[in-house]
Amino acid sequence: MKIVDGFVLKTIADTNVVVPVGSNNVSFRGIISLNGSGAFLWNLLTEETDEDSLVKALTTEYDIDEATARADVKEFVDTMRKANLIA
């Protein structure tokens, strides 16, 4: 899975915001802001990856247990899929 083309992550006034670019600027309605761990996962998803790799990276970066990381990754991925941001 990977973030679809046409969206970038920008930091505006210390807030991580997903910004549509190109034709997505017209069709995407809404604002998605990400906390630090969400931005971390977003950056990993700029390259093709899978949920297990995201869980491993999250446990390493944030020193959390695997069950918590897996639940957080699932919630993040589900949210991004519902917004049509992950292919």
PDB file of N, CA and C in Angstrom:
ATOM      1  N   MET A   1       0.842  -1.169   0.000  1.00  0.00           N
ATOM      2  CA  MET A   1       0.000   0.000   0.000  1.00  0.00           C
ATOM      3  C   MET A   1       0.889   1.234   0.000  1.00  0.00           C
ATOM      4  N   LYS A   2       0.313   2.332  -0.487  1.00  0.00           N
ATOM      5  CA  LYS A   2       1.084   3.558  -0.646  1.00  0.00           C
ATOM      6  C   LYS A   2       0.118   4.739  -0.749  1.00  0.00           C
ATOM      7  N   ILE A   3       0.555   5.922  -0.316  1.00  0.00           N
ATOM      8  CA  ILE A   3      -0.229   7.140  -0.480  1.00  0.00           C
ATOM      9  C   ILE A   3      -0.411   7.385  -1.974  1.00  0.00           C
ATOM     10  N   VAL A   4      -1.632   7.727  -2.378  1.00  0.00           N
ATOM     11  CA  VAL A   4      -1.887   7.991  -3.786  1.00  0.00           C
ATOM     12  C   VAL A   4      -1.210   9.288  -4.215  1.00  0.00           C
ATOM     13  N   ASP A   5      -0.922   9.388  -5.498  1.00  0.00           N
ATOM     14  CA  ASP A   5      -0.341  10.611  -6.031  1.00  0.00           C
ATOM     15  C   ASP A   5      -1.340  11.751  -5.880  1.00  0.00           C
ATOM     16  N   GLY A   6      -0.821  12.947  -5.733  1.00  0.00           N
ATOM     17  CA  GLY A   6      -1.683  14.119  -5.676  1.00  0.00           C
ATOM     18  C   GLY A   6      -1.930  14.654  -4.283  1.00  0.00           C
ATOM     19  N   PHE A   7      -1.253  14.109  -3.285  1.00  0.00           N
ATOM     20  CA  PHE A   7      -1.380  14.600  -1.918  1.00  0.00           C
ATOM     21  C   PHE A   7      -0.004  14.680  -1.289  1.00  0.00           C
ATOM     22  N   VAL A   8       0.248  15.753  -0.558  1.00  0.00           N
ATOM     23  CA  VAL A   8       1.521  15.919   0.123  1.00  0.00           C
ATOM     24  C   VAL A   8       1.251  16.330   1.566  1.00  0.00           C
ATOM     25  N   LEU A   9       2.239  16.097   2.394  1.00  0.00           N
ATOM     26  CA  LEU A   9       2.158  16.493   3.800  1.00  0.00           C
ATOM     27  C   LEU A   9       2.972  17.759   3.985  1.00  0.00           C
ATOM     28  N   LYS A  10       2.346  18.785   4.519  1.00  0.00           N
ATOM     29  CA  LYS A  10       3.010  20.057   4.790  1.00  0.00           C
ATOM     30  C   LYS A  10       2.889  20.367   6.273  1.00  0.00           C
ATOM     31  N   THR A  11       3.880  21.056   6.803  1.00  0.00           N
ATOM     32  CA  THR A  11       3.809  21.528   8.182  1.00  0.00           C
ATOM     33  C   THR A  11       3.534  23.023   8.137  1.00  0.00           C
ATOM     34  N   ILE A  12       2.387  23.402   8.693  1.00  0.00           N
ATOM     35  CA  ILE A  12       1.958  24.793   8.700  1.00  0.00           C
ATOM     36  C   ILE A  12       1.709  25.187  10.149  1.00  0.00           C
ATOM     37  N   ALA A  13       2.474  26.151  10.624  1.00  0.00           N
ATOM     38  CA  ALA A  13       2.340  26.629  12.005  1.00  0.00           C
ATOM     39  C   ALA A  13       2.375  25.458  12.995  1.00  0.00           C
ATOM     40  N   ASP A  14       3.368  24.596  12.841  1.00  0.00           N
ATOM     41  CA  ASP A  14       3.574  23.433  13.714  1.00  0.00           C
ATOM     42  C   ASP A  14       2.455  22.390  13.638  1.00  0.00           C
ATOM     43  N   THR A  15       1.647  22.435  12.582  1.00  0.00           N
ATOM     44  CA  THR A  15       0.588  21.453  12.378  1.00  0.00           C
ATOM     45  C   THR A  15       0.848  20.713  11.071  1.00  0.00           C
ATOM     46  N   ASN A  16       0.775  19.383  11.117  1.00  0.00           N
ATOM     47  CA  ASN A  16       0.955  18.558   9.921  1.00  0.00           C
ATOM     48  C   ASN A  16      -0.383  18.464   9.201  1.00  0.00           C
ATOM     49  N   VAL A  17      -0.407  18.937   7.939  1.00  0.00           N
ATOM     50  CA  VAL A  17      -1.646  18.993   7.172  1.00  0.00           C
ATOM     51  C   VAL A  17      -1.442  18.296   5.824  1.00  0.00           C
ATOM     52  N   VAL A  18      -2.399  17.432   5.453  1.00  0.00           N
ATOM     53  CA  VAL A  18      -2.394  16.795   4.142  1.00  0.00           C
ATOM     54  C   VAL A  18      -3.005  17.783   3.164  1.00  0.00           C
ATOM     55  N   VAL A  19      -2.247  18.054   2.090  1.00  0.00           N
ATOM     56  CA  VAL A  19      -2.667  19.052   1.113  1.00  0.00           C
ATOM     57  C   VAL A  19      -2.829  18.384  -0.251  1.00  0.00           C
ATOM     58  N   PRO A  20      -3.988  18.580  -0.895  1.00  0.00           N
ATOM     59  CA  PRO A  20      -4.147  18.061  -2.253  1.00  0.00           C
ATOM     60  C   PRO A  20      -3.424  18.968  -3.242  1.00  0.00           C
ATOM     61  N   VAL A  21      -2.853  18.378  -4.277  1.00  0.00           N
ATOM     62  CA  VAL A  21      -2.182  19.144  -5.322  1.00  0.00           C
ATOM     63  C   VAL A  21      -2.734  18.729  -6.677  1.00  0.00           C
ATOM     64  N   GLY A  22      -2.557  19.569  -7.658  1.00  0.00           N
ATOM     65  CA  GLY A  22      -3.035  19.265  -9.000  1.00  0.00           C
ATOM     66  C   GLY A  22      -4.547  19.173  -9.034  1.00  0.00           C
ATOM     67  N   SER A  23      -5.065  18.236  -9.811  1.00  0.00           N
ATOM     68  CA  SER A  23      -6.512  18.096  -9.985  1.00  0.00           C
ATOM     69  C   SER A  23      -7.211  17.683  -8.691  1.00  0.00           C
ATOM     70  N   ASN A  24      -6.481  17.082  -7.776  1.00  0.00           N
ATOM     71  CA  ASN A  24      -7.082  16.701  -6.489  1.00  0.00           C
ATOM     72  C   ASN A  24      -7.493  17.929  -5.682  1.00  0.00           C
ATOM     73  N   ASN A  25      -6.871  19.058  -5.990  1.00  0.00           N
ATOM     74  CA  ASN A  25      -7.194  20.296  -5.292  1.00  0.00           C
ATOM     75  C   ASN A  25      -8.659  20.677  -5.518  1.00  0.00           C
ATOM     76  N   VAL A  26      -9.213  20.298  -6.655  1.00  0.00           N
ATOM     77  CA  VAL A  26     -10.599  20.604  -6.982  1.00  0.00           C
ATOM     78  C   VAL A  26     -11.553  19.580  -6.371  1.00  0.00           C
ATOM     79  N   SER A  27     -11.192  18.305  -6.421  1.00  0.00           N
ATOM     80  CA  SER A  27     -12.120  17.249  -6.025  1.00  0.00           C
ATOM     81  C   SER A  27     -12.081  16.881  -4.537  1.00  0.00           C
ATOM     82  N   PHE A  28     -10.980  17.145  -3.851  1.00  0.00           N
ATOM     83  CA  PHE A  28     -10.869  16.772  -2.438  1.00  0.00           C
ATOM     84  C   PHE A  28     -11.465  17.867  -1.572  1.00  0.00           C
ATOM     85  N   ARG A  29     -12.413  17.503  -0.752  1.00  0.00           N
ATOM     86  CA  ARG A  29     -13.045  18.479   0.131  1.00  0.00           C
ATOM     87  C   ARG A  29     -12.759  18.075   1.573  1.00  0.00           C
ATOM     88  N   GLY A  30     -12.074  18.943   2.277  1.00  0.00           N
ATOM     89  CA  GLY A  30     -11.793  18.668   3.666  1.00  0.00           C
ATOM     90  C   GLY A  30     -10.355  18.976   4.010  1.00  0.00           C
ATOM     91  N   ILE A  31     -10.058  18.807   5.268  1.00  0.00           N
ATOM     92  CA  ILE A  31      -8.714  19.021   5.785  1.00  0.00           C
ATOM     93  C   ILE A  31      -8.368  17.821   6.639  1.00  0.00           C
ATOM     94  N   ILE A  32      -7.177  17.313   6.443  1.00  0.00           N
ATOM     95  CA  ILE A  32      -6.704  16.234   7.295  1.00  0.00           C
ATOM     96  C   ILE A  32      -5.445  16.727   7.987  1.00  0.00           C
ATOM     97  N   SER A  33      -5.494  16.779   9.305  1.00  0.00           N
ATOM     98  CA  SER A  33      -4.299  17.127  10.082  1.00  0.00           C
ATOM     99  C   SER A  33      -3.832  15.866  10.796  1.00  0.00           C
ATOM    100  N   LEU A  34      -2.534  15.741  10.899  1.00  0.00           N
ATOM    101  CA  LEU A  34      -1.940  14.546  11.494  1.00  0.00           C
ATOM    102  C   LEU A  34      -1.088  14.917  12.695  1.00  0.00           C
ATOM    103  N   ASN A  35      -1.150  14.078  13.718  1.00  0.00           N
ATOM    104  CA  ASN A  35      -0.236  14.257  14.847  1.00  0.00           C
ATOM    105  C   ASN A  35       1.138  13.716  14.449  1.00  0.00           C
ATOM    106  N   GLY A  36       2.065  13.721  15.358  1.00  0.00           N
ATOM    107  CA  GLY A  36       3.427  13.281  15.052  1.00  0.00           C
ATOM    108  C   GLY A  36       3.519  11.858  14.548  1.00  0.00           C
ATOM    109  N   SER A  37       2.798  10.935  15.181  1.00  0.00           N
ATOM    110  CA  SER A  37       2.867   9.546  14.733  1.00  0.00           C
ATOM    111  C   SER A  37       2.147   9.364  13.397  1.00  0.00           C
ATOM    112  N   GLY A  38       1.080  10.128  13.166  1.00  0.00           N
ATOM    113  CA  GLY A  38       0.396  10.081  11.881  1.00  0.00           C
ATOM    114  C   GLY A  38       1.295  10.577  10.758  1.00  0.00           C
ATOM    115  N   ALA A  39       2.025  11.662  11.015  1.00  0.00           N
ATOM    116  CA  ALA A  39       2.969  12.190  10.022  1.00  0.00           C
ATOM    117  C   ALA A  39       4.087  11.180   9.769  1.00  0.00           C
ATOM    118  N   PHE A  40       4.533  10.521  10.826  1.00  0.00           N
ATOM    119  CA  PHE A  40       5.563   9.496  10.696  1.00  0.00           C
ATOM    120  C   PHE A  40       5.080   8.374   9.778  1.00  0.00           C
ATOM    121  N   LEU A  41       3.861   7.890  10.009  1.00  0.00           N
ATOM    122  CA  LEU A  41       3.298   6.828   9.165  1.00  0.00           C
ATOM    123  C   LEU A  41       3.084   7.317   7.743  1.00  0.00           C
ATOM    124  N   TRP A  42       2.581   8.542   7.581  1.00  0.00           N
ATOM    125  CA  TRP A  42       2.377   9.111   6.243  1.00  0.00           C
ATOM    126  C   TRP A  42       3.683   9.078   5.458  1.00  0.00           C
ATOM    127  N   ASN A  43       4.760   9.523   6.084  1.00  0.00           N
ATOM    128  CA  ASN A  43       6.055   9.554   5.395  1.00  0.00           C
ATOM    129  C   ASN A  43       6.515   8.157   4.993  1.00  0.00           C
ATOM    130  N   LEU A  44       6.244   7.167   5.814  1.00  0.00           N
ATOM    131  CA  LEU A  44       6.582   5.794   5.446  1.00  0.00           C
ATOM    132  C   LEU A  44       5.745   5.321   4.261  1.00  0.00           C
ATOM    133  N   LEU A  45       4.524   5.808   4.181  1.00  0.00           N
ATOM    134  CA  LEU A  45       3.608   5.399   3.121  1.00  0.00           C
ATOM    135  C   LEU A  45       3.846   6.127   1.796  1.00  0.00           C
ATOM    136  N   THR A  46       4.841   6.983   1.737  1.00  0.00           N
ATOM    137  CA  THR A  46       5.180   7.589   0.444  1.00  0.00           C
ATOM    138  C   THR A  46       5.879   6.567  -0.447  1.00  0.00           C
ATOM    139  N   GLU A  47       6.318   5.476   0.147  1.00  0.00           N
ATOM    140  CA  GLU A  47       6.890   4.336  -0.579  1.00  0.00           C
ATOM    141  C   GLU A  47       5.992   3.125  -0.317  1.00  0.00           C
ATOM    142  N   GLU A  48       5.987   2.188  -1.225  1.00  0.00           N
ATOM    143  CA  GLU A  48       5.182   0.975  -1.059  1.00  0.00           C
ATOM    144  C   GLU A  48       5.610   0.240   0.221  1.00  0.00           C
ATOM    145  N   THR A  49       4.654  -0.123   1.046  1.00  0.00           N
ATOM    146  CA  THR A  49       4.941  -0.823   2.296  1.00  0.00           C
ATOM    147  C   THR A  49       3.721  -1.644   2.700  1.00  0.00           C
ATOM    148  N   ASP A  50       3.821  -2.336   3.828  1.00  0.00           N
ATOM    149  CA  ASP A  50       2.688  -3.113   4.326  1.00  0.00           C
ATOM    150  C   ASP A  50       2.482  -2.815   5.814  1.00  0.00           C
ATOM    151  N   GLU A  51       1.372  -3.301   6.346  1.00  0.00           N
ATOM    152  CA  GLU A  51       1.044  -2.991   7.740  1.00  0.00           C
ATOM    153  C   GLU A  51       2.081  -3.527   8.720  1.00  0.00           C
ATOM    154  N   ASP A  52       2.623  -4.714   8.467  1.00  0.00           N
ATOM    155  CA  ASP A  52       3.631  -5.267   9.380  1.00  0.00           C
ATOM    156  C   ASP A  52       4.860  -4.367   9.457  1.00  0.00           C
ATOM    157  N   SER A  53       5.278  -3.819   8.329  1.00  0.00           N
ATOM    158  CA  SER A  53       6.436  -2.914   8.314  1.00  0.00           C
ATOM    159  C   SER A  53       6.127  -1.621   9.060  1.00  0.00           C
ATOM    160  N   LEU A  54       4.904  -1.131   8.910  1.00  0.00           N
ATOM    161  CA  LEU A  54       4.510   0.087   9.629  1.00  0.00           C
ATOM    162  C   LEU A  54       4.495  -0.162  11.133  1.00  0.00           C
ATOM    163  N   VAL A  55       3.997  -1.316  11.549  1.00  0.00           N
ATOM    164  CA  VAL A  55       3.957  -1.667  12.975  1.00  0.00           C
ATOM    165  C   VAL A  55       5.372  -1.732  13.529  1.00  0.00           C
ATOM    166  N   LYS A  56       6.269  -2.389  12.817  1.00  0.00           N
ATOM    167  CA  LYS A  56       7.653  -2.506  13.271  1.00  0.00           C
ATOM    168  C   LYS A  56       8.309  -1.131  13.401  1.00  0.00           C
ATOM    169  N   ALA A  57       8.100  -0.288  12.408  1.00  0.00           N
ATOM    170  CA  ALA A  57       8.681   1.059  12.442  1.00  0.00           C
ATOM    171  C   ALA A  57       8.118   1.871  13.603  1.00  0.00           C
ATOM    172  N   LEU A  58       6.820   1.744  13.849  1.00  0.00           N
ATOM    173  CA  LEU A  58       6.188   2.498  14.925  1.00  0.00           C
ATOM    174  C   LEU A  58       6.681   2.048  16.295  1.00  0.00           C
ATOM    175  N   THR A  59       6.852   0.738  16.482  1.00  0.00           N
ATOM    176  CA  THR A  59       7.346   0.248  17.777  1.00  0.00           C
ATOM    177  C   THR A  59       8.788   0.692  18.016  1.00  0.00           C
ATOM    178  N   THR A  60       9.557   0.781  16.951  1.00  0.00           N
ATOM    179  CA  THR A  60      10.946   1.221  17.081  1.00  0.00           C
ATOM    180  C   THR A  60      11.029   2.722  17.371  1.00  0.00           C
ATOM    181  N   GLU A  61      10.258   3.500  16.628  1.00  0.00           N
ATOM    182  CA  GLU A  61      10.311   4.962  16.753  1.00  0.00           C
ATOM    183  C   GLU A  61       9.735   5.464  18.071  1.00  0.00           C
ATOM    184  N   TYR A  62       8.642   4.850  18.519  1.00  0.00           N
ATOM    185  CA  TYR A  62       7.919   5.377  19.678  1.00  0.00           C
ATOM    186  C   TYR A  62       8.004   4.492  20.917  1.00  0.00           C
ATOM    187  N   ASP A  63       8.741   3.397  20.858  1.00  0.00           N
ATOM    188  CA  ASP A  63       8.917   2.531  22.018  1.00  0.00           C
ATOM    189  C   ASP A  63       7.577   2.154  22.651  1.00  0.00           C
ATOM    190  N   ILE A  64       6.665   1.638  21.794  1.00  0.00           N
ATOM    191  CA  ILE A  64       5.376   1.150  22.272  1.00  0.00           C
ATOM    192  C   ILE A  64       5.283  -0.342  21.960  1.00  0.00           C
ATOM    193  N   ASP A  65       4.361  -1.019  22.630  1.00  0.00           N
ATOM    194  CA  ASP A  65       4.236  -2.456  22.407  1.00  0.00           C
ATOM    195  C   ASP A  65       3.572  -2.732  21.061  1.00  0.00           C
ATOM    196  N   GLU A  66       3.755  -3.944  20.585  1.00  0.00           N
ATOM    197  CA  GLU A  66       3.265  -4.314  19.258  1.00  0.00           C
ATOM    198  C   GLU A  66       1.746  -4.228  19.145  1.00  0.00           C
ATOM    199  N   ALA A  67       1.027  -4.630  20.169  1.00  0.00           N
ATOM    200  CA  ALA A  67      -0.440  -4.609  20.116  1.00  0.00           C
ATOM    201  C   ALA A  67      -0.959  -3.178  19.954  1.00  0.00           C
ATOM    202  N   THR A  68      -0.375  -2.255  20.699  1.00  0.00           N
ATOM    203  CA  THR A  68      -0.768  -0.849  20.588  1.00  0.00           C
ATOM    204  C   THR A  68      -0.430  -0.307  19.211  1.00  0.00           C
ATOM    205  N   ALA A  69       0.781  -0.607  18.734  1.00  0.00           N
ATOM    206  CA  ALA A  69       1.203  -0.149  17.409  1.00  0.00           C
ATOM    207  C   ALA A  69       0.292  -0.712  16.323  1.00  0.00           C
ATOM    208  N   ARG A  70      -0.048  -1.986  16.424  1.00  0.00           N
ATOM    209  CA  ARG A  70      -0.901  -2.620  15.413  1.00  0.00           C
ATOM    210  C   ARG A  70      -2.285  -1.960  15.388  1.00  0.00           C
ATOM    211  N   ALA A  71      -2.834  -1.690  16.547  1.00  0.00           N
ATOM    212  CA  ALA A  71      -4.144  -1.029  16.616  1.00  0.00           C
ATOM    213  C   ALA A  71      -4.069   0.382  16.033  1.00  0.00           C
ATOM    214  N   ASP A  72      -2.991   1.109  16.343  1.00  0.00           N
ATOM    215  CA  ASP A  72      -2.822   2.464  15.821  1.00  0.00           C
ATOM    216  C   ASP A  72      -2.638   2.461  14.311  1.00  0.00           C
ATOM    217  N   VAL A  73      -1.851   1.529  13.810  1.00  0.00           N
ATOM    218  CA  VAL A  73      -1.631   1.428  12.359  1.00  0.00           C
ATOM    219  C   VAL A  73      -2.937   1.082  11.663  1.00  0.00           C
ATOM    220  N   LYS A  74      -3.685   0.148  12.210  1.00  0.00           N
ATOM    221  CA  LYS A  74      -4.962  -0.237  11.596  1.00  0.00           C
ATOM    222  C   LYS A  74      -5.904   0.954  11.534  1.00  0.00           C
ATOM    223  N   GLU A  75      -6.017   1.695  12.616  1.00  0.00           N
ATOM    224  CA  GLU A  75      -6.896   2.866  12.648  1.00  0.00           C
ATOM    225  C   GLU A  75      -6.445   3.915  11.624  1.00  0.00           C
ATOM    226  N   PHE A  76      -5.137   4.163  11.557  1.00  0.00           N
ATOM    227  CA  PHE A  76      -4.604   5.146  10.618  1.00  0.00           C
ATOM    228  C   PHE A  76      -4.869   4.715   9.176  1.00  0.00           C
ATOM    229  N   VAL A  77      -4.549   3.476   8.861  1.00  0.00           N
ATOM    230  CA  VAL A  77      -4.731   2.970   7.497  1.00  0.00           C
ATOM    231  C   VAL A  77      -6.211   2.984   7.123  1.00  0.00           C
ATOM    232  N   ASP A  78      -7.076   2.571   8.032  1.00  0.00           N
ATOM    233  CA  ASP A  78      -8.519   2.598   7.753  1.00  0.00           C
ATOM    234  C   ASP A  78      -9.000   4.016   7.464  1.00  0.00           C
ATOM    235  N   THR A  79      -8.539   4.976   8.239  1.00  0.00           N
ATOM    236  CA  THR A  79      -8.920   6.371   8.033  1.00  0.00           C
ATOM    237  C   THR A  79      -8.432   6.876   6.683  1.00  0.00           C
ATOM    238  N   MET A  80      -7.200   6.558   6.330  1.00  0.00           N
ATOM    239  CA  MET A  80      -6.642   6.997   5.049  1.00  0.00           C
ATOM    240  C   MET A  80      -7.360   6.319   3.878  1.00  0.00           C
ATOM    241  N   ARG A  81      -7.747   5.069   4.054  1.00  0.00           N
ATOM    242  CA  ARG A  81      -8.499   4.373   2.992  1.00  0.00           C
ATOM    243  C   ARG A  81      -9.878   4.987   2.799  1.00  0.00           C
ATOM    244  N   LYS A  82     -10.554   5.322   3.889  1.00  0.00           N
ATOM    245  CA  LYS A  82     -11.869   5.930   3.785  1.00  0.00           C
ATOM    246  C   LYS A  82     -11.804   7.278   3.070  1.00  0.00           C
ATOM    247  N   ALA A  83     -10.689   7.969   3.225  1.00  0.00           N
ATOM    248  CA  ALA A  83     -10.481   9.260   2.548  1.00  0.00           C
ATOM    249  C   ALA A  83      -9.910   9.080   1.146  1.00  0.00           C
ATOM    250  N   ASN A  84      -9.755   7.815   0.716  1.00  0.00           N
ATOM    251  CA  ASN A  84      -9.196   7.482  -0.606  1.00  0.00           C
ATOM    252  C   ASN A  84      -7.773   8.023  -0.794  1.00  0.00           C
ATOM    253  N   LEU A  85      -6.995   7.958   0.259  1.00  0.00           N
ATOM    254  CA  LEU A  85      -5.619   8.453   0.200  1.00  0.00           C
ATOM    255  C   LEU A  85      -4.585   7.345   0.090  1.00  0.00           C
ATOM    256  N   ILE A  86      -5.006   6.083   0.212  1.00  0.00           N
ATOM    257  CA  ILE A  86      -4.090   4.951   0.105  1.00  0.00           C
ATOM    258  C   ILE A  86      -4.545   4.039  -1.026  1.00  0.00           C
ATOM    259  N   ALA A  87      -3.589   3.645  -1.845  1.00  0.00           N
ATOM    260  CA  ALA A  87      -3.877   2.689  -2.917  1.00  0.00           C
ATOM    261  C   ALA A  87      -3.267   1.352  -2.579  1.00  0.00           C
TER     262      ALA A  87
END
